[in-house]
Amino acid sequence: MTNGGAACPECSQTMNFGGFVLSKRAGDGQRVCRSLWKCAGRHVWWRWADRPDEALEACPVPELFR
């Protein structure tokens, strides 16, 4: 599964879907999944799965998802 051909914000390589990560959102205290995206350049990005129109954020712990 790809991110619709979206490019990595850091290196412009195509990103691939890497799964979901259950997290607690600080803004509303809900437990919500983040969708994880990775590129061949080993950059890891994520965003709230229930907010697909929001921008990707750099994952603060990429070593856990490589």
Protein backbone atom coordinates (compact mmCIF):
# COMPACT_ATOMS: atom_id res chain seq x y z
CA MET A 1 0.00 0.00 0.00
CA THR A 2 1.41 3.40 -0.90
CA ASN A 3 0.53 6.91 0.19
CA GLY A 4 -1.06 7.70 -3.17
CA GLY A 5 2.38 8.44 -4.62
CA ALA A 6 3.13 11.03 -1.92
CA ALA A 7 6.77 11.89 -1.53
CA CYS A 8 8.79 11.95 1.67
CA PRO A 9 8.93 15.55 2.96
CA GLU A 10 12.64 15.11 3.67
CA CYS A 11 14.07 13.27 0.64
CA SER A 12 11.22 13.18 -1.94
CA GLN A 13 11.24 9.37 -2.26
CA THR A 14 7.89 7.55 -2.46
CA MET A 15 6.52 6.57 0.94
CA ASN A 16 4.96 3.22 1.86
CA PHE A 17 2.38 2.49 4.54
CA GLY A 18 3.97 0.93 7.62
CA GLY A 19 0.96 0.10 9.80
CA PHE A 20 -0.82 1.67 12.73
CA VAL A 21 0.44 2.74 16.16
CA LEU A 22 -1.99 3.21 19.05
CA SER A 23 -1.23 6.48 20.86
CA LYS A 24 -2.87 8.80 23.37
CA ARG A 25 -3.62 12.19 21.85
CA ALA A 26 -2.69 15.01 24.24
CA GLY A 27 -5.26 17.43 22.83
CA ASP A 28 -8.34 15.41 23.77
CA GLY A 29 -7.00 12.49 25.83
CA GLN A 30 -8.36 9.89 23.39
CA ARG A 31 -6.52 6.74 22.39
CA VAL A 32 -6.30 6.94 18.61
CA CYS A 33 -4.18 5.21 15.96
CA ARG A 34 -1.49 7.00 14.03
CA SER A 35 -0.82 5.85 10.48
CA LEU A 36 2.88 5.24 9.91
CA TRP A 37 4.64 6.03 6.61
CA LYS A 38 8.21 5.17 5.62
CA CYS A 39 10.45 5.86 2.64
CA ALA A 40 13.46 3.99 1.26
CA GLY A 41 15.65 6.71 2.78
CA ARG A 42 14.64 5.37 6.23
CA HIS A 43 12.63 8.45 7.19
CA VAL A 44 9.56 7.70 9.29
CA TRP A 45 6.49 9.93 9.36
CA TRP A 46 3.05 9.65 10.96
CA ARG A 47 -0.28 11.37 11.39
CA TRP A 48 -3.53 10.72 13.24
CA ALA A 49 -5.45 8.04 11.35
CA ASP A 50 -8.75 9.84 12.01
CA ARG A 51 -7.35 13.08 10.55
CA PRO A 52 -5.96 12.07 7.13
CA ASP A 53 -6.00 15.63 5.78
CA GLU A 54 -3.52 16.87 8.39
CA ALA A 55 0.17 17.15 7.54
CA LEU A 56 2.59 14.34 8.28
CA GLU A 57 4.78 14.75 11.35
CA ALA A 58 8.29 13.35 11.79
CA CYS A 59 8.07 10.34 14.08
CA PRO A 60 10.06 11.10 17.27
CA VAL A 61 11.15 7.44 17.68
CA PRO A 62 11.86 6.19 14.13
CA GLU A 63 14.23 3.47 15.35
CA LEU A 64 11.22 1.57 16.74
CA PHE A 65 9.66 1.24 13.26
CA ARG A 66 12.52 0.46 10.86
